[in-house]
Amino acid sequence: MKRFRHFLPIVVLIAAGIALLASGVLNRFRPENLAQEQAALQAQIALHPFLAAGAYVIAVTLAISTGIPGVVVLILAGGMLYGVWFGTVLSTVGVTLGALILFLASRHAFGDHRGARAPGLVERLRGGYNAHPVSYTLFLRLVPVIPFGGVTVALAWLRCPLWLFLTATAVGGAVMTGVETALGAGLAKTIGQKQAVSADIFTQPGVLIPLVALGLLALAPVLVAKWRARTAAARTDNV
């Protein structure tokens, strides 16, 4: 029973995520649906700016903390409705708060596990993390090597200091959501001009540039691995 109480926060988050997915509320934030309601939604935002911003942050927080798939749809919606800069700020706040909730719930569930063998994913991260905790945490947050929620749970197991977790999450979240928000803003502008969603939308600069930036972020782990291999080889040759 005591062990169950440790996992209760995680169980609650999982249940909330299932309920959120089952409700179908995320479907309303899809670009094709927002394209039809964009003018009406922006009018509502203008009438109730603080309420709308708070509701958006809560939605992102819930999506991140419950680990449900499709959070990118919400981030794109933020760009479409709020523009690049304000949308990035709101999304980053929601992402950071959601990750914090999941982090604390996971750490509570793991309890005091010093000396215990880590799960497979965390065991692979443990060596590098223990050697360079700050750089390793920032790297995991800035580069999409592993799903965002997976990194959060892994850092909770590794007992990452709270200040480091929040700093890395805020910085990494701002980078990722900034690119995705820019993509959403580009979609909104292009859809507003064409009044439709079509394949040629991806040729527009406002959409194409953020997509290229996402691709470069995805390639970052490969580039880092090659750089480390070359550095190691150079050191071996010098010995």
C-alpha atoms as a PDB file:
ATOM      1  CA  MET A   1       0.000   0.000   0.000  1.00  0.00           C
ATOM      2  CA  LYS A   2       2.858   2.362   0.828  1.00  0.00           C
ATOM      3  CA  ARG A   3       4.475   1.611  -2.523  1.00  0.00           C
ATOM      4  CA  PHE A   4       1.184   2.343  -4.307  1.00  0.00           C
ATOM      5  CA  ARG A   5       1.044   5.781  -2.657  1.00  0.00           C
ATOM      6  CA  HIS A   6       4.437   6.520  -4.177  1.00  0.00           C
ATOM      7  CA  PHE A   7       3.048   5.777  -7.640  1.00  0.00           C
ATOM      8  CA  LEU A   8      -0.300   7.519  -7.090  1.00  0.00           C
ATOM      9  CA  PRO A   9       0.762  10.839  -8.712  1.00  0.00           C
ATOM     10  CA  ILE A  10       1.919   8.940 -11.816  1.00  0.00           C
ATOM     11  CA  VAL A  11      -1.345   6.969 -11.920  1.00  0.00           C
ATOM     12  CA  VAL A  12      -3.324  10.215 -11.706  1.00  0.00           C
ATOM     13  CA  LEU A  13      -1.295  11.746 -14.558  1.00  0.00           C
ATOM     14  CA  ILE A  14      -1.792   8.653 -16.739  1.00  0.00           C
ATOM     15  CA  ALA A  15      -5.545   8.698 -16.051  1.00  0.00           C
ATOM     16  CA  ALA A  16      -5.698  12.410 -16.908  1.00  0.00           C
ATOM     17  CA  GLY A  17      -3.811  11.777 -20.145  1.00  0.00           C
ATOM     18  CA  ILE A  18      -6.184   8.987 -21.165  1.00  0.00           C
ATOM     19  CA  ALA A  19      -9.176  11.204 -20.398  1.00  0.00           C
ATOM     20  CA  LEU A  20      -7.651  14.061 -22.403  1.00  0.00           C
ATOM     21  CA  LEU A  21      -7.065  11.835 -25.421  1.00  0.00           C
ATOM     22  CA  ALA A  22     -10.511  10.238 -25.181  1.00  0.00           C
ATOM     23  CA  SER A  23     -12.191  13.655 -25.076  1.00  0.00           C
ATOM     24  CA  GLY A  24     -10.854  14.462 -28.547  1.00  0.00           C
ATOM     25  CA  VAL A  25     -10.054  18.021 -27.465  1.00  0.00           C
ATOM     26  CA  LEU A  26      -6.686  17.944 -29.245  1.00  0.00           C
ATOM     27  CA  ASN A  27      -8.422  17.475 -32.595  1.00  0.00           C
ATOM     28  CA  ARG A  28      -9.769  21.008 -32.374  1.00  0.00           C
ATOM     29  CA  PHE A  29      -6.203  22.343 -32.372  1.00  0.00           C
ATOM     30  CA  ARG A  30      -5.197  20.664 -35.627  1.00  0.00           C
ATOM     31  CA  PRO A  31      -4.092  23.194 -38.298  1.00  0.00           C
ATOM     32  CA  GLU A  32      -6.904  22.268 -40.703  1.00  0.00           C
ATOM     33  CA  ASN A  33      -9.507  22.841 -37.981  1.00  0.00           C
ATOM     34  CA  LEU A  34      -7.907  26.044 -36.739  1.00  0.00           C
ATOM     35  CA  ALA A  35      -7.836  27.329 -40.314  1.00  0.00           C
ATOM     36  CA  GLN A  36     -11.634  27.362 -40.299  1.00  0.00           C
ATOM     37  CA  GLU A  37     -11.993  28.935 -36.851  1.00  0.00           C
ATOM     38  CA  GLN A  38      -8.894  31.115 -36.702  1.00  0.00           C
ATOM     39  CA  ALA A  39     -10.667  34.473 -37.095  1.00  0.00           C
ATOM     40  CA  ALA A  40     -13.313  33.615 -34.483  1.00  0.00           C
ATOM     41  CA  LEU A  41     -10.732  32.291 -32.012  1.00  0.00           C
ATOM     42  CA  GLN A  42      -8.504  35.336 -32.382  1.00  0.00           C
ATOM     43  CA  ALA A  43     -11.532  37.548 -31.765  1.00  0.00           C
ATOM     44  CA  GLN A  44     -12.195  35.658 -28.528  1.00  0.00           C
ATOM     45  CA  ILE A  45      -8.534  36.009 -27.549  1.00  0.00           C
ATOM     46  CA  ALA A  46      -8.761  39.764 -28.108  1.00  0.00           C
ATOM     47  CA  LEU A  47     -11.833  39.935 -25.861  1.00  0.00           C
ATOM     48  CA  HIS A  48     -10.364  37.783 -23.067  1.00  0.00           C
ATOM     49  CA  PRO A  49      -6.560  37.916 -23.496  1.00  0.00           C
ATOM     50  CA  PHE A  50      -5.552  36.833 -19.978  1.00  0.00           C
ATOM     51  CA  LEU A  51      -8.158  34.067 -19.735  1.00  0.00           C
ATOM     52  CA  ALA A  52      -7.254  32.727 -23.175  1.00  0.00           C
ATOM     53  CA  ALA A  53      -3.509  32.810 -22.452  1.00  0.00           C
ATOM     54  CA  GLY A  54      -4.040  31.062 -19.110  1.00  0.00           C
ATOM     55  CA  ALA A  55      -6.214  28.380 -20.713  1.00  0.00           C
ATOM     56  CA  TYR A  56      -3.570  27.751 -23.382  1.00  0.00           C
ATOM     57  CA  VAL A  57      -0.766  27.429 -20.821  1.00  0.00           C
ATOM     58  CA  ILE A  58      -2.898  24.994 -18.781  1.00  0.00           C
ATOM     59  CA  ALA A  59      -3.615  22.915 -21.897  1.00  0.00           C
ATOM     60  CA  VAL A  60       0.109  22.631 -22.734  1.00  0.00           C
ATOM     61  CA  THR A  61       0.947  21.899 -19.087  1.00  0.00           C
ATOM     62  CA  LEU A  62      -1.584  19.050 -18.960  1.00  0.00           C
ATOM     63  CA  ALA A  63      -0.407  17.606 -22.267  1.00  0.00           C
ATOM     64  CA  ILE A  64       3.272  17.616 -21.232  1.00  0.00           C
ATOM     65  CA  SER A  65       2.721  16.355 -17.671  1.00  0.00           C
ATOM     66  CA  THR A  66       0.559  13.446 -18.822  1.00  0.00           C
ATOM     67  CA  GLY A  67       2.963  12.492 -21.619  1.00  0.00           C
ATOM     68  CA  ILE A  68       0.230  12.171 -24.263  1.00  0.00           C
ATOM     69  CA  PRO A  69       1.256  12.135 -27.935  1.00  0.00           C
ATOM     70  CA  GLY A  70       0.405  15.046 -30.182  1.00  0.00           C
ATOM     71  CA  VAL A  71       1.657  17.920 -28.014  1.00  0.00           C
ATOM     72  CA  VAL A  72       3.204  19.423 -31.149  1.00  0.00           C
ATOM     73  CA  VAL A  73      -0.352  20.134 -32.338  1.00  0.00           C
ATOM     74  CA  LEU A  74      -0.833  22.457 -29.358  1.00  0.00           C
ATOM     75  CA  ILE A  75       2.496  24.201 -29.982  1.00  0.00           C
ATOM     76  CA  LEU A  76       1.584  24.770 -33.637  1.00  0.00           C
ATOM     77  CA  ALA A  77      -1.766  26.147 -32.496  1.00  0.00           C
ATOM     78  CA  GLY A  78       0.040  28.594 -30.216  1.00  0.00           C
ATOM     79  CA  GLY A  79       1.971  29.933 -33.200  1.00  0.00           C
ATOM     80  CA  MET A  80      -1.156  30.177 -35.315  1.00  0.00           C
ATOM     81  CA  LEU A  81      -3.144  32.040 -32.647  1.00  0.00           C
ATOM     82  CA  TYR A  82      -0.507  34.116 -30.843  1.00  0.00           C
ATOM     83  CA  GLY A  83       2.324  34.568 -33.327  1.00  0.00           C
ATOM     84  CA  VAL A  84       5.968  33.580 -32.934  1.00  0.00           C
ATOM     85  CA  TRP A  85       7.134  35.563 -29.912  1.00  0.00           C
ATOM     86  CA  PHE A  86       4.156  35.489 -27.562  1.00  0.00           C
ATOM     87  CA  GLY A  87       3.295  31.959 -28.655  1.00  0.00           C
ATOM     88  CA  THR A  88       6.827  30.802 -27.799  1.00  0.00           C
ATOM     89  CA  VAL A  89       6.652  32.434 -24.350  1.00  0.00           C
ATOM     90  CA  LEU A  90       3.297  30.808 -23.522  1.00  0.00           C
ATOM     91  CA  SER A  91       4.352  27.404 -24.864  1.00  0.00           C
ATOM     92  CA  THR A  92       7.669  27.495 -22.982  1.00  0.00           C
ATOM     93  CA  VAL A  93       5.873  28.280 -19.711  1.00  0.00           C
ATOM     94  CA  GLY A  94       3.424  25.417 -20.283  1.00  0.00           C
ATOM     95  CA  VAL A  95       6.174  22.979 -21.286  1.00  0.00           C
ATOM     96  CA  THR A  96       8.317  23.867 -18.260  1.00  0.00           C
ATOM     97  CA  LEU A  97       5.415  23.579 -15.798  1.00  0.00           C
ATOM     98  CA  GLY A  98       4.236  20.285 -17.315  1.00  0.00           C
ATOM     99  CA  ALA A  99       7.732  18.818 -17.257  1.00  0.00           C
ATOM    100  CA  LEU A 100       8.154  19.927 -13.631  1.00  0.00           C
ATOM    101  CA  ILE A 101       4.952  18.126 -12.599  1.00  0.00           C
ATOM    102  CA  LEU A 102       6.019  14.926 -14.379  1.00  0.00           C
ATOM    103  CA  PHE A 103       9.547  15.201 -12.934  1.00  0.00           C
ATOM    104  CA  LEU A 104       8.338  15.574  -9.342  1.00  0.00           C
ATOM    105  CA  ALA A 105       5.755  12.794  -9.736  1.00  0.00           C
ATOM    106  CA  SER A 106       8.392  10.456 -11.200  1.00  0.00           C
ATOM    107  CA  ARG A 107      10.938  11.244  -8.495  1.00  0.00           C
ATOM    108  CA  HIS A 108       8.291  10.613  -5.838  1.00  0.00           C
ATOM    109  CA  ALA A 109       7.461   7.271  -7.448  1.00  0.00           C
ATOM    110  CA  PHE A 110      11.107   6.168  -7.643  1.00  0.00           C
ATOM    111  CA  GLY A 111      11.804   7.071  -4.024  1.00  0.00           C
ATOM    112  CA  ASP A 112      15.260   6.386  -2.595  1.00  0.00           C
ATOM    113  CA  HIS A 113      16.781   4.002  -5.132  1.00  0.00           C
ATOM    114  CA  ARG A 114      20.476   4.552  -4.437  1.00  0.00           C
ATOM    115  CA  GLY A 115      22.379   1.436  -5.369  1.00  0.00           C
ATOM    116  CA  ALA A 116      19.514   0.016  -7.435  1.00  0.00           C
ATOM    117  CA  ARG A 117      20.023  -0.941 -11.061  1.00  0.00           C
ATOM    118  CA  ALA A 118      18.477   1.574 -13.447  1.00  0.00           C
ATOM    119  CA  PRO A 119      16.006   0.743 -16.265  1.00  0.00           C
ATOM    120  CA  GLY A 120      17.548   0.114 -19.683  1.00  0.00           C
ATOM    121  CA  LEU A 121      17.201   3.658 -21.052  1.00  0.00           C
ATOM    122  CA  VAL A 122      18.502   5.307 -17.886  1.00  0.00           C
ATOM    123  CA  GLU A 123      21.378   2.830 -17.540  1.00  0.00           C
ATOM    124  CA  ARG A 124      22.652   3.938 -20.955  1.00  0.00           C
ATOM    125  CA  LEU A 125      22.495   7.575 -19.876  1.00  0.00           C
ATOM    126  CA  ARG A 126      23.939   7.127 -16.402  1.00  0.00           C
ATOM    127  CA  GLY A 127      27.634   7.018 -17.296  1.00  0.00           C
ATOM    128  CA  GLY A 128      27.632  10.212 -19.331  1.00  0.00           C
ATOM    129  CA  TYR A 129      25.351  11.967 -16.907  1.00  0.00           C
ATOM    130  CA  ASN A 130      27.464  11.184 -13.849  1.00  0.00           C
ATOM    131  CA  ALA A 131      30.596  12.417 -15.629  1.00  0.00           C
ATOM    132  CA  HIS A 132      29.143  15.694 -16.936  1.00  0.00           C
ATOM    133  CA  PRO A 133      25.702  16.343 -15.393  1.00  0.00           C
ATOM    134  CA  VAL A 134      25.261  19.959 -16.551  1.00  0.00           C
ATOM    135  CA  SER A 135      26.358  19.542 -20.183  1.00  0.00           C
ATOM    136  CA  TYR A 136      24.596  16.181 -20.468  1.00  0.00           C
ATOM    137  CA  THR A 137      21.293  17.538 -19.145  1.00  0.00           C
ATOM    138  CA  LEU A 138      21.410  20.538 -21.473  1.00  0.00           C
ATOM    139  CA  PHE A 139      22.274  18.290 -24.417  1.00  0.00           C
ATOM    140  CA  LEU A 140      19.329  15.970 -23.741  1.00  0.00           C
ATOM    141  CA  ARG A 141      16.956  18.920 -23.541  1.00  0.00           C
ATOM    142  CA  LEU A 142      18.269  20.815 -26.556  1.00  0.00           C
ATOM    143  CA  VAL A 143      18.502  17.853 -28.917  1.00  0.00           C
ATOM    144  CA  PRO A 144      15.509  15.595 -29.643  1.00  0.00           C
ATOM    145  CA  VAL A 145      17.400  12.329 -29.064  1.00  0.00           C
ATOM    146  CA  ILE A 146      14.702  10.809 -26.869  1.00  0.00           C
ATOM    147  CA  PRO A 147      11.032  11.812 -26.454  1.00  0.00           C
ATOM    148  CA  PHE A 148      10.584  14.790 -24.126  1.00  0.00           C
ATOM    149  CA  GLY A 149       8.669  12.829 -21.492  1.00  0.00           C
ATOM    150  CA  GLY A 150      11.232  10.019 -21.590  1.00  0.00           C
ATOM    151  CA  VAL A 151      14.034  12.474 -20.846  1.00  0.00           C
ATOM    152  CA  THR A 152      12.023  13.936 -17.965  1.00  0.00           C
ATOM    153  CA  VAL A 153      11.481  10.516 -16.344  1.00  0.00           C
ATOM    154  CA  ALA A 154      15.124   9.555 -16.935  1.00  0.00           C
ATOM    155  CA  LEU A 155      16.371  12.742 -15.277  1.00  0.00           C
ATOM    156  CA  ALA A 156      14.057  12.080 -12.337  1.00  0.00           C
ATOM    157  CA  TRP A 157      15.620   8.627 -11.873  1.00  0.00           C
ATOM    158  CA  LEU A 158      19.097  10.125 -12.142  1.00  0.00           C
ATOM    159  CA  ARG A 159      18.167  12.525  -9.314  1.00  0.00           C
ATOM    160  CA  CYS A 160      18.941  15.567 -11.434  1.00  0.00           C
ATOM    161  CA  PRO A 161      19.038  18.688  -9.198  1.00  0.00           C
ATOM    162  CA  LEU A 162      15.817  20.674  -9.471  1.00  0.00           C
ATOM    163  CA  TRP A 163      17.577  23.923 -10.464  1.00  0.00           C
ATOM    164  CA  LEU A 164      19.426  22.162 -13.275  1.00  0.00           C
ATOM    165  CA  PHE A 165      16.296  20.398 -14.486  1.00  0.00           C
ATOM    166  CA  LEU A 166      14.283  23.643 -14.607  1.00  0.00           C
ATOM    167  CA  THR A 167      17.077  25.583 -16.320  1.00  0.00           C
ATOM    168  CA  ALA A 168      17.685  22.928 -18.973  1.00  0.00           C
ATOM    169  CA  THR A 169      13.953  22.412 -19.541  1.00  0.00           C
ATOM    170  CA  ALA A 170      13.274  26.130 -19.926  1.00  0.00           C
ATOM    171  CA  VAL A 171      16.189  26.615 -22.336  1.00  0.00           C
ATOM    172  CA  GLY A 172      15.523  23.445 -24.327  1.00  0.00           C
ATOM    173  CA  GLY A 173      11.793  24.090 -24.303  1.00  0.00           C
ATOM    174  CA  ALA A 174      12.269  27.616 -25.628  1.00  0.00           C
ATOM    175  CA  VAL A 175      14.407  26.335 -28.516  1.00  0.00           C
ATOM    176  CA  MET A 176      12.053  23.514 -29.534  1.00  0.00           C
ATOM    177  CA  THR A 177       8.802  25.399 -29.030  1.00  0.00           C
ATOM    178  CA  GLY A 178      10.298  28.446 -30.748  1.00  0.00           C
ATOM    179  CA  VAL A 179      10.864  26.466 -33.937  1.00  0.00           C
ATOM    180  CA  GLU A 180       7.484  24.728 -33.752  1.00  0.00           C
ATOM    181  CA  THR A 181       5.694  27.993 -32.932  1.00  0.00           C
ATOM    182  CA  ALA A 182       7.358  29.664 -35.907  1.00  0.00           C
ATOM    183  CA  LEU A 183       6.063  26.808 -38.044  1.00  0.00           C
ATOM    184  CA  GLY A 184       2.551  27.360 -36.682  1.00  0.00           C
ATOM    185  CA  ALA A 185       2.751  31.101 -37.362  1.00  0.00           C
ATOM    186  CA  GLY A 186       3.939  30.376 -40.896  1.00  0.00           C
ATOM    187  CA  LEU A 187       1.039  27.993 -41.407  1.00  0.00           C
ATOM    188  CA  ALA A 188      -1.419  30.613 -40.149  1.00  0.00           C
ATOM    189  CA  LYS A 189      -0.081  33.268 -42.527  1.00  0.00           C
ATOM    190  CA  THR A 190      -0.073  30.972 -45.535  1.00  0.00           C
ATOM    191  CA  ILE A 191      -3.507  29.526 -44.780  1.00  0.00           C
ATOM    192  CA  GLY A 192      -4.843  33.060 -44.336  1.00  0.00           C
ATOM    193  CA  GLN A 193      -3.602  33.963 -47.800  1.00  0.00           C
ATOM    194  CA  LYS A 194      -4.745  30.779 -49.544  1.00  0.00           C
ATOM    195  CA  GLN A 195      -7.828  30.121 -47.377  1.00  0.00           C
ATOM    196  CA  ALA A 196      -7.047  26.397 -47.515  1.00  0.00           C
ATOM    197  CA  VAL A 197      -4.565  23.702 -46.488  1.00  0.00           C
ATOM    198  CA  SER A 198      -2.758  22.218 -49.491  1.00  0.00           C
ATOM    199  CA  ALA A 199       0.535  20.493 -50.300  1.00  0.00           C
ATOM    200  CA  ASP A 200       2.164  23.648 -51.714  1.00  0.00           C
ATOM    201  CA  ILE A 201       1.943  25.241 -48.279  1.00  0.00           C
ATOM    202  CA  PHE A 202       5.280  23.548 -47.485  1.00  0.00           C
ATOM    203  CA  THR A 203       7.028  25.588 -50.180  1.00  0.00           C
ATOM    204  CA  GLN A 204       6.283  28.868 -48.385  1.00  0.00           C
ATOM    205  CA  PRO A 205       9.298  30.384 -46.523  1.00  0.00           C
ATOM    206  CA  GLY A 206       7.351  30.825 -43.280  1.00  0.00           C
ATOM    207  CA  VAL A 207       6.683  27.082 -43.227  1.00  0.00           C
ATOM    208  CA  LEU A 208       9.791  25.732 -44.976  1.00  0.00           C
ATOM    209  CA  ILE A 209      12.409  27.501 -42.812  1.00  0.00           C
ATOM    210  CA  PRO A 210      11.088  26.140 -39.458  1.00  0.00           C
ATOM    211  CA  LEU A 211      10.853  22.660 -41.015  1.00  0.00           C
ATOM    212  CA  VAL A 212      14.507  22.867 -42.065  1.00  0.00           C
ATOM    213  CA  ALA A 213      15.423  24.029 -38.541  1.00  0.00           C
ATOM    214  CA  LEU A 214      13.629  20.999 -37.065  1.00  0.00           C
ATOM    215  CA  GLY A 215      15.522  18.747 -39.446  1.00  0.00           C
ATOM    216  CA  LEU A 216      18.856  20.253 -38.379  1.00  0.00           C
ATOM    217  CA  LEU A 217      17.970  19.717 -34.705  1.00  0.00           C
ATOM    218  CA  ALA A 218      17.158  16.092 -35.467  1.00  0.00           C
ATOM    219  CA  LEU A 219      20.569  15.679 -37.147  1.00  0.00           C
ATOM    220  CA  ALA A 220      22.437  17.192 -34.206  1.00  0.00           C
ATOM    221  CA  PRO A 221      22.982  13.852 -32.372  1.00  0.00           C
ATOM    222  CA  VAL A 222      24.641  12.383 -35.478  1.00  0.00           C
ATOM    223  CA  LEU A 223      26.917  15.401 -35.852  1.00  0.00           C
ATOM    224  CA  VAL A 224      27.851  15.341 -32.161  1.00  0.00           C
ATOM    225  CA  ALA A 225      28.613  11.603 -32.324  1.00  0.00           C
ATOM    226  CA  LYS A 226      30.888  12.126 -35.337  1.00  0.00           C
ATOM    227  CA  TRP A 227      32.639  15.031 -33.615  1.00  0.00           C
ATOM    228  CA  ARG A 228      33.252  12.922 -30.499  1.00  0.00           C
ATOM    229  CA  ALA A 229      34.560  10.026 -32.604  1.00  0.00           C
ATOM    230  CA  ARG A 230      37.001  12.314 -34.408  1.00  0.00           C
ATOM    231  CA  THR A 231      38.134  13.868 -31.119  1.00  0.00           C
ATOM    232  CA  ALA A 232      38.721  10.428 -29.608  1.00  0.00           C
ATOM    233  CA  ALA A 233      40.623   9.287 -32.696  1.00  0.00           C
ATOM    234  CA  ALA A 234      42.794  12.417 -32.606  1.00  0.00           C
ATOM    235  CA  ARG A 235      43.641  11.823 -28.960  1.00  0.00           C
ATOM    236  CA  THR A 236      44.560   8.210 -29.712  1.00  0.00           C
ATOM    237  CA  ASP A 237      46.869   9.292 -32.531  1.00  0.00           C
ATOM    238  CA  ASN A 238      48.601  11.805 -30.274  1.00  0.00           C
ATOM    239  CA  VAL A 239      49.316   9.231 -27.594  1.00  0.00           C
END
